Amino acid sequence: MELSDKEWEIIEPLLPELSSSKQGRPWRGNKEVLDAIFWVLRTGAPWWDGPEKYPPY
């Protein structure tokens, strides 16, 4: 289960803007990260066992 576009429209304004900092790894989109967090919470599996479509831990 992933966030629908309608759910994302409600949540997106509550999250911080993506940083444009040149330090560290390039940031993945907030929606991708949030979907991955929900996947971990729903399945109880560790992040690194998640599907490839989610960002790496």
Protein backbone atom coordinates (compact mmCIF):
# COMPACT_ATOMS: atom_id res chain seq x y z
CA MET A 1 0.00 0.00 0.00
CA GLU A 2 1.33 3.40 -0.95
CA LEU A 3 -0.01 6.87 -0.42
CA SER A 4 -2.56 7.92 -3.01
CA ASP A 5 -2.17 11.27 -4.76
CA LYS A 6 -5.07 12.66 -2.73
CA GLU A 7 -3.47 11.55 0.58
CA TRP A 8 -0.14 12.99 -0.53
CA GLU A 9 -1.75 16.38 -1.28
CA ILE A 10 -2.86 16.53 2.36
CA ILE A 11 0.47 15.45 3.86
CA GLU A 12 2.94 17.25 1.57
CA PRO A 13 2.47 20.78 3.01
CA LEU A 14 3.28 19.44 6.50
CA LEU A 15 6.76 18.21 5.51
CA PRO A 16 9.92 20.33 5.26
CA GLU A 17 11.27 21.42 1.88
CA LEU A 18 13.94 19.20 0.37
CA SER A 19 17.43 20.46 1.07
CA SER A 20 19.56 21.58 -1.86
CA SER A 21 22.76 21.05 0.16
CA LYS A 22 25.70 19.59 -1.73
CA GLN A 23 26.80 17.57 1.32
CA GLY A 24 25.91 13.93 1.84
CA ARG A 25 23.82 11.69 -0.38
CA PRO A 26 21.30 13.17 -2.77
CA TRP A 27 17.95 13.26 -1.01
CA ARG A 28 15.18 11.05 -2.33
CA GLY A 29 11.67 12.43 -2.53
CA ASN A 30 9.64 12.78 0.65
CA LYS A 31 6.85 10.60 -0.78
CA GLU A 32 9.26 7.74 -1.55
CA VAL A 33 10.75 7.88 1.94
CA LEU A 34 7.35 8.08 3.63
CA ASP A 35 6.05 5.13 1.59
CA ALA A 36 9.13 3.14 2.65
CA ILE A 37 8.58 4.04 6.32
CA PHE A 38 4.96 2.88 6.08
CA TRP A 39 6.14 -0.36 4.43
CA VAL A 40 8.55 -1.04 7.32
CA LEU A 41 5.85 -0.28 9.91
CA ARG A 42 3.27 -2.42 8.14
CA THR A 43 5.49 -5.46 7.51
CA GLY A 44 7.83 -5.32 10.51
CA ALA A 45 10.71 -6.14 8.16
CA PRO A 46 14.01 -4.25 8.29
CA TRP A 47 14.43 -1.38 5.84
CA TRP A 48 17.19 -3.15 3.87
CA ASP A 49 14.79 -6.03 3.08
CA GLY A 50 12.39 -3.64 1.37
CA PRO A 51 11.51 -3.60 -2.31
CA GLU A 52 13.96 -1.95 -4.70
CA LYS A 53 11.47 0.83 -5.47
CA TYR A 54 12.12 2.34 -2.03
CA PRO A 55 15.25 4.36 -1.17
CA PRO A 56 18.21 2.52 0.38
CA TYR A 57 18.56 2.70 4.13
